[in-house]
N, C-alpha and C. Protein backbone atom coordinates (compact mmCIF):
# COMPACT_ATOMS: atom_id res chain seq x y z
N ILE A 1 0.83 -1.20 0.00
CA ILE A 1 0.00 0.00 0.00
C ILE A 1 0.86 1.25 0.00
N ALA A 2 1.96 1.25 0.75
CA ALA A 2 2.84 2.42 0.77
C ALA A 2 3.42 2.68 -0.61
N GLN A 3 3.79 1.62 -1.30
CA GLN A 3 4.33 1.77 -2.65
C GLN A 3 3.27 2.35 -3.58
N ARG A 4 2.05 1.91 -3.44
CA ARG A 4 0.97 2.44 -4.28
C ARG A 4 0.77 3.92 -4.01
N ARG A 5 0.80 4.33 -2.75
CA ARG A 5 0.66 5.75 -2.41
C ARG A 5 1.81 6.57 -3.00
N TYR A 6 3.01 5.99 -2.95
CA TYR A 6 4.19 6.66 -3.52
C TYR A 6 3.98 6.94 -5.01
N PHE A 7 3.54 5.94 -5.76
CA PHE A 7 3.35 6.13 -7.19
C PHE A 7 2.13 7.01 -7.50
N ASP A 8 1.09 6.94 -6.68
CA ASP A 8 -0.04 7.85 -6.83
C ASP A 8 0.42 9.30 -6.65
N LEU A 9 1.26 9.52 -5.65
CA LEU A 9 1.80 10.86 -5.41
C LEU A 9 2.64 11.33 -6.60
N LEU A 10 3.50 10.45 -7.12
CA LEU A 10 4.31 10.82 -8.29
C LEU A 10 3.42 11.16 -9.48
N ASN A 11 2.35 10.42 -9.66
CA ASN A 11 1.44 10.69 -10.77
C ASN A 11 0.78 12.06 -10.67
N ARG A 12 0.61 12.56 -9.47
CA ARG A 12 0.00 13.88 -9.28
C ARG A 12 1.02 15.01 -9.24
N THR A 13 2.30 14.67 -9.21
CA THR A 13 3.37 15.65 -9.07
C THR A 13 3.93 16.03 -10.43
N ARG A 14 4.32 17.29 -10.59
CA ARG A 14 4.87 17.74 -11.87
C ARG A 14 6.39 17.84 -11.85
N VAL A 15 6.96 18.19 -10.69
CA VAL A 15 8.41 18.30 -10.56
C VAL A 15 8.82 17.69 -9.21
N VAL A 16 9.83 16.84 -9.24
CA VAL A 16 10.39 16.24 -8.04
C VAL A 16 11.78 16.83 -7.83
N ILE A 17 12.08 17.22 -6.60
CA ILE A 17 13.43 17.71 -6.29
C ILE A 17 14.24 16.52 -5.79
N TYR A 18 15.31 16.22 -6.50
CA TYR A 18 16.18 15.08 -6.19
C TYR A 18 17.51 15.62 -5.70
N PRO A 19 17.98 15.20 -4.53
CA PRO A 19 19.20 15.79 -3.98
C PRO A 19 20.46 15.45 -4.75
N GLY A 20 20.39 14.51 -5.66
CA GLY A 20 21.53 14.21 -6.50
C GLY A 20 22.47 13.18 -5.94
N VAL A 21 23.60 13.03 -6.59
CA VAL A 21 24.59 12.02 -6.27
C VAL A 21 25.77 12.72 -5.62
N ARG A 22 26.07 12.38 -4.40
CA ARG A 22 27.15 13.07 -3.70
C ARG A 22 28.52 12.46 -4.00
N ASN A 23 28.65 11.17 -3.80
CA ASN A 23 29.92 10.51 -4.07
C ASN A 23 29.69 9.01 -4.16
N GLY A 24 30.70 8.32 -4.58
CA GLY A 24 30.62 6.87 -4.65
C GLY A 24 29.96 6.38 -5.93
N ALA A 25 30.11 5.11 -6.13
CA ALA A 25 29.61 4.51 -7.37
C ALA A 25 28.14 4.13 -7.28
N TRP A 26 27.59 4.02 -6.09
CA TRP A 26 26.20 3.59 -5.94
C TRP A 26 25.33 4.78 -5.60
N TRP A 27 24.20 4.87 -6.23
CA TRP A 27 23.26 5.94 -5.92
C TRP A 27 21.87 5.52 -6.33
N GLU A 28 20.87 6.22 -5.85
CA GLU A 28 19.47 5.88 -6.07
C GLU A 28 18.98 6.35 -7.44
N SER A 29 19.57 5.84 -8.49
CA SER A 29 19.20 6.29 -9.83
C SER A 29 17.79 5.88 -10.20
N ARG A 30 17.27 4.84 -9.60
CA ARG A 30 15.92 4.40 -9.99
C ARG A 30 14.85 5.41 -9.59
N ARG A 31 15.11 6.22 -8.56
CA ARG A 31 14.13 7.22 -8.15
C ARG A 31 13.84 8.20 -9.28
N CYS A 32 14.86 8.59 -10.00
CA CYS A 32 14.66 9.48 -11.15
C CYS A 32 13.82 8.78 -12.22
N GLY A 33 14.15 7.55 -12.50
CA GLY A 33 13.39 6.79 -13.49
C GLY A 33 11.94 6.62 -13.11
N GLU A 34 11.68 6.38 -11.84
CA GLU A 34 10.30 6.26 -11.36
C GLU A 34 9.55 7.56 -11.57
N ALA A 35 10.20 8.67 -11.26
CA ALA A 35 9.55 9.97 -11.43
C ALA A 35 9.24 10.23 -12.90
N TYR A 36 10.22 9.99 -13.78
CA TYR A 36 9.98 10.20 -15.21
C TYR A 36 8.88 9.28 -15.73
N ALA A 37 8.86 8.04 -15.27
CA ALA A 37 7.84 7.09 -15.71
C ALA A 37 6.44 7.55 -15.32
N CYS A 38 6.35 8.32 -14.24
CA CYS A 38 5.06 8.83 -13.78
C CYS A 38 4.74 10.21 -14.36
N GLY A 39 5.61 10.71 -15.24
CA GLY A 39 5.35 11.99 -15.89
C GLY A 39 5.89 13.20 -15.16
N CYS A 40 6.78 13.00 -14.18
CA CYS A 40 7.38 14.11 -13.44
C CYS A 40 8.70 14.52 -14.07
N ALA A 41 8.99 15.78 -13.98
CA ALA A 41 10.34 16.25 -14.28
C ALA A 41 11.14 16.11 -12.99
N VAL A 42 12.46 16.00 -13.11
CA VAL A 42 13.32 15.85 -11.94
C VAL A 42 14.27 17.04 -11.87
N LEU A 43 14.13 17.81 -10.81
CA LEU A 43 15.03 18.92 -10.53
C LEU A 43 16.16 18.32 -9.71
N MET A 44 17.36 18.21 -10.31
CA MET A 44 18.44 17.41 -9.75
C MET A 44 19.70 18.23 -9.49
N LYS A 45 20.30 17.98 -8.34
CA LYS A 45 21.60 18.61 -8.07
C LYS A 45 22.65 17.95 -8.95
N ARG A 46 23.56 18.77 -9.51
CA ARG A 46 24.62 18.23 -10.36
C ARG A 46 25.38 17.17 -9.57
N PRO A 47 25.52 15.97 -10.13
CA PRO A 47 26.19 14.88 -9.41
C PRO A 47 27.63 15.22 -9.04
N GLY A 48 28.06 14.67 -7.92
CA GLY A 48 29.43 14.84 -7.46
C GLY A 48 30.35 13.76 -8.00
N ILE A 49 29.83 12.89 -8.84
CA ILE A 49 30.65 11.85 -9.46
C ILE A 49 30.50 11.96 -10.98
N ASP A 50 31.37 11.30 -11.69
CA ASP A 50 31.32 11.30 -13.15
C ASP A 50 30.15 10.45 -13.62
N VAL A 51 29.23 11.07 -14.33
CA VAL A 51 28.08 10.33 -14.88
C VAL A 51 28.09 10.39 -16.41
N SER A 52 29.27 10.61 -16.99
CA SER A 52 29.34 10.77 -18.44
C SER A 52 28.91 9.52 -19.20
N THR A 53 29.09 8.34 -18.61
CA THR A 53 28.64 7.13 -19.31
C THR A 53 27.17 6.84 -19.05
N TYR A 54 26.58 7.55 -18.12
CA TYR A 54 25.15 7.41 -17.80
C TYR A 54 24.61 8.82 -17.58
N PRO A 55 24.42 9.56 -18.66
CA PRO A 55 24.21 11.02 -18.58
C PRO A 55 22.81 11.44 -18.11
N VAL A 56 22.50 11.18 -16.86
CA VAL A 56 21.20 11.55 -16.33
C VAL A 56 20.96 13.06 -16.35
N THR A 57 22.02 13.84 -16.33
CA THR A 57 21.85 15.29 -16.36
C THR A 57 21.48 15.80 -17.75
N ASP A 58 21.62 14.97 -18.78
CA ASP A 58 21.23 15.36 -20.13
C ASP A 58 19.73 15.27 -20.36
N ILE A 59 19.04 14.59 -19.48
CA ILE A 59 17.60 14.43 -19.66
C ILE A 59 16.88 15.77 -19.52
N ALA A 60 17.25 16.53 -18.53
CA ALA A 60 16.64 17.84 -18.30
C ALA A 60 17.72 18.82 -17.84
N PRO A 61 18.60 19.24 -18.75
CA PRO A 61 19.71 20.10 -18.33
C PRO A 61 19.27 21.42 -17.70
N ASP A 62 18.10 21.93 -18.07
CA ASP A 62 17.61 23.17 -17.47
C ASP A 62 17.15 22.98 -16.03
N LEU A 63 17.05 21.72 -15.60
CA LEU A 63 16.59 21.43 -14.25
C LEU A 63 17.71 20.87 -13.37
N VAL A 64 18.95 21.05 -13.78
CA VAL A 64 20.10 20.63 -12.98
C VAL A 64 20.63 21.86 -12.26
N TYR A 65 20.72 21.79 -10.94
CA TYR A 65 21.20 22.93 -10.17
C TYR A 65 22.54 22.62 -9.51
N THR A 66 23.26 23.65 -9.13
CA THR A 66 24.60 23.47 -8.56
C THR A 66 24.71 23.91 -7.11
N SER A 67 23.73 24.64 -6.61
CA SER A 67 23.80 25.15 -5.24
C SER A 67 22.39 25.40 -4.72
N ALA A 68 22.29 25.63 -3.43
CA ALA A 68 20.98 25.94 -2.83
C ALA A 68 20.40 27.21 -3.44
N ARG A 69 21.25 28.18 -3.69
CA ARG A 69 20.78 29.44 -4.30
C ARG A 69 20.23 29.18 -5.70
N ALA A 70 20.92 28.35 -6.49
CA ALA A 70 20.45 28.03 -7.84
C ALA A 70 19.15 27.24 -7.78
N LEU A 71 19.00 26.37 -6.80
CA LEU A 71 17.76 25.61 -6.62
C LEU A 71 16.60 26.56 -6.35
N LEU A 72 16.79 27.51 -5.44
CA LEU A 72 15.74 28.48 -5.13
C LEU A 72 15.38 29.33 -6.34
N ARG A 73 16.38 29.74 -7.08
CA ARG A 73 16.14 30.54 -8.29
C ARG A 73 15.30 29.74 -9.30
N THR A 74 15.65 28.49 -9.49
CA THR A 74 14.90 27.65 -10.44
C THR A 74 13.48 27.42 -9.94
N CYS A 75 13.33 27.15 -8.66
CA CYS A 75 11.98 26.93 -8.10
C CYS A 75 11.10 28.17 -8.28
N ARG A 76 11.66 29.33 -8.04
CA ARG A 76 10.89 30.57 -8.22
C ARG A 76 10.49 30.77 -9.68
N ARG A 77 11.42 30.47 -10.58
CA ARG A 77 11.12 30.60 -12.02
C ARG A 77 10.01 29.64 -12.42
N LEU A 78 10.06 28.41 -11.93
CA LEU A 78 9.03 27.42 -12.26
C LEU A 78 7.68 27.78 -11.63
N GLU A 79 7.72 28.34 -10.43
CA GLU A 79 6.49 28.73 -9.75
C GLU A 79 5.75 29.82 -10.53
N ARG A 80 6.51 30.72 -11.16
CA ARG A 80 5.91 31.83 -11.90
C ARG A 80 5.40 31.42 -13.28
N ASP A 81 5.91 30.32 -13.84
CA ASP A 81 5.62 29.99 -15.23
C ASP A 81 5.15 28.54 -15.38
N VAL A 82 3.85 28.33 -15.24
CA VAL A 82 3.26 26.99 -15.30
C VAL A 82 3.48 26.36 -16.69
N GLU A 83 3.41 27.16 -17.72
CA GLU A 83 3.63 26.61 -19.07
C GLU A 83 5.05 26.11 -19.23
N LEU A 84 6.02 26.81 -18.66
CA LEU A 84 7.41 26.37 -18.71
C LEU A 84 7.55 25.03 -18.00
N VAL A 85 6.90 24.89 -16.86
CA VAL A 85 6.95 23.63 -16.12
C VAL A 85 6.45 22.49 -17.00
N ASP A 86 5.31 22.69 -17.64
CA ASP A 86 4.75 21.63 -18.48
C ASP A 86 5.64 21.33 -19.68
N ASP A 87 6.22 22.35 -20.30
CA ASP A 87 7.14 22.12 -21.42
C ASP A 87 8.36 21.35 -20.98
N LEU A 88 8.98 21.76 -19.88
CA LEU A 88 10.16 21.07 -19.38
C LEU A 88 9.83 19.63 -18.97
N ARG A 89 8.68 19.46 -18.37
CA ARG A 89 8.25 18.12 -17.93
C ARG A 89 8.06 17.19 -19.12
N ARG A 90 7.33 17.66 -20.12
CA ARG A 90 7.08 16.81 -21.30
C ARG A 90 8.39 16.47 -22.02
N THR A 91 9.26 17.46 -22.17
CA THR A 91 10.54 17.23 -22.84
C THR A 91 11.39 16.24 -22.05
N ALA A 92 11.45 16.41 -20.73
CA ALA A 92 12.26 15.54 -19.89
C ALA A 92 11.75 14.10 -19.92
N VAL A 93 10.44 13.94 -19.83
CA VAL A 93 9.87 12.58 -19.85
C VAL A 93 10.17 11.90 -21.18
N ALA A 94 10.05 12.63 -22.28
CA ALA A 94 10.36 12.05 -23.60
C ALA A 94 11.84 11.68 -23.70
N ARG A 95 12.72 12.55 -23.22
CA ARG A 95 14.16 12.26 -23.27
C ARG A 95 14.53 11.10 -22.35
N ALA A 96 13.83 10.96 -21.25
CA ALA A 96 14.15 9.90 -20.30
C ALA A 96 14.07 8.53 -20.95
N TRP A 97 13.15 8.36 -21.88
CA TRP A 97 13.04 7.07 -22.56
C TRP A 97 14.32 6.74 -23.31
N ARG A 98 15.05 7.76 -23.75
CA ARG A 98 16.30 7.53 -24.47
C ARG A 98 17.34 6.87 -23.56
N TYR A 99 17.30 7.17 -22.26
CA TYR A 99 18.30 6.67 -21.33
C TYR A 99 17.78 5.60 -20.38
N LEU A 100 16.52 5.61 -20.08
CA LEU A 100 16.01 4.79 -18.99
C LEU A 100 15.09 3.64 -19.41
N SER A 101 14.76 3.52 -20.68
CA SER A 101 13.92 2.39 -21.09
C SER A 101 14.72 1.10 -20.95
N THR A 102 14.05 -0.01 -20.94
CA THR A 102 14.76 -1.29 -20.80
C THR A 102 15.75 -1.51 -21.94
N VAL A 103 15.40 -1.09 -23.13
CA VAL A 103 16.31 -1.24 -24.27
C VAL A 103 17.55 -0.38 -24.07
N ALA A 104 17.36 0.87 -23.65
CA ALA A 104 18.50 1.77 -23.43
C ALA A 104 19.42 1.25 -22.33
N VAL A 105 18.83 0.74 -21.25
CA VAL A 105 19.64 0.21 -20.16
C VAL A 105 20.41 -1.03 -20.62
N ALA A 106 19.76 -1.91 -21.37
CA ALA A 106 20.46 -3.10 -21.89
C ALA A 106 21.62 -2.69 -22.80
N ARG A 107 21.41 -1.72 -23.67
CA ARG A 107 22.50 -1.25 -24.53
C ARG A 107 23.65 -0.70 -23.70
N TYR A 108 23.32 0.07 -22.67
CA TYR A 108 24.35 0.62 -21.79
C TYR A 108 25.16 -0.52 -21.14
N VAL A 109 24.47 -1.52 -20.62
CA VAL A 109 25.14 -2.63 -19.94
C VAL A 109 26.06 -3.35 -20.92
N PHE A 110 25.54 -3.67 -22.10
CA PHE A 110 26.37 -4.41 -23.07
C PHE A 110 27.56 -3.59 -23.55
N ALA A 111 27.43 -2.30 -23.59
CA ALA A 111 28.52 -1.44 -24.04
C ALA A 111 29.55 -1.15 -22.95
N ASN A 112 29.13 -1.19 -21.69
CA ASN A 112 30.01 -0.72 -20.61
C ASN A 112 30.39 -1.75 -19.56
N VAL A 113 29.73 -2.88 -19.53
CA VAL A 113 30.05 -3.88 -18.51
C VAL A 113 30.86 -4.99 -19.16
N PRO A 114 32.06 -5.25 -18.64
CA PRO A 114 32.89 -6.31 -19.23
C PRO A 114 32.23 -7.66 -19.11
N MET A 115 32.19 -8.38 -20.20
CA MET A 115 31.64 -9.73 -20.20
C MET A 115 32.79 -10.72 -20.12
N ARG A 116 32.62 -11.79 -19.40
CA ARG A 116 33.70 -12.79 -19.26
C ARG A 116 33.67 -13.77 -20.38
C-alpha cells in the first residue's frame, strides 16, 4: 500500500526535487526513473561523481542545479511559469526514454560492462 501511495503521489506531481549524487559509485538512480515514468520532471543537483557514461543530467539540463541558491532561483522561475513547467516536464519525460527504457539500459550494460 505504501508503494501504491508513492506512485499515486508521483502521478499527481509535476516536478520532483532530487538531492543528486554526492559521491561513490552507488546511488538511487531508480528514483529518477520512477519519477519520469510517472510523468514528473526531476530537478536534480549536479552529481558529485562522473556520470558521463550514464548522462542523467542530459535528460533535463535546465533542471540541474549546482547550489541551494540556484535551486531556489529555479523553483521561483518554475512557480511563476506553469507553461514552462509543463514544457520542461514533457521534454524531460520524452528524453528519459532515451536513457532509462529497458532497451536503453540493456544497450548501456552491453557497451560498458565487461563480459567474461
